[in-house]
Amino acid sequence: MSIVPLNIPYTPLKVQSTDAGTKVYDPLRDKLVALTPEEYVRQQFTAWMRKEYHYPASLMANEIGVEVNGMKKRCDTVVFNRDGSPMVIVEYKAPDVKITQDTFDQIVRYNMTLRARYLIVSNGMNHYCCVIDYDNNTYHFVPGIPDYRELTGAFSDN
């Protein structure tokens, strides 16, 4: 896989060649996973969220199983509140995959089960974040990725 420069600050990854192909270490799952273009975006994006936006790794999880209309699906990344409830869902696409309405429909379907307040979609080049207003059944897009401390009112880096 050739590495494409993303619209995210680069973070060095732990990569390993195996008989089964190239693997990357995912610190959130604590295991080696296949290094696909989408996985590369996931690893760079979650590192960016932790470093730049103060999201605690201990409250982030990759590949979370959800049931949508009786079908088992996997949500790319979920960030939880300290009480364990989902706060942010992130959906990734490979850099060459255009983000479309279908991408947003996919994350919204996952959110029917999880009921997070923030939804983020990224292909590593373009990033979109919206806030769900459950009281008024609306949503609005916000510029950039919100800092974890703003979302929780916590201003410590623990």
Foldseek 3Di string as FASTA:
>chain_A
DDDDQFPAPDDDWDWDQDPVGIWTQDPLVRDTDHDDLQVNLLRRVVVRLCPVQLQDSVQKHAQCWDAFPNDIGTFGMFGADPVGATAEGEAEDGLVDDDDVVNVVVVVRRCVGRVHQKYWYYNRHDIWIKGADVVVRDIDTDPDDHRPCVVVVDDDND
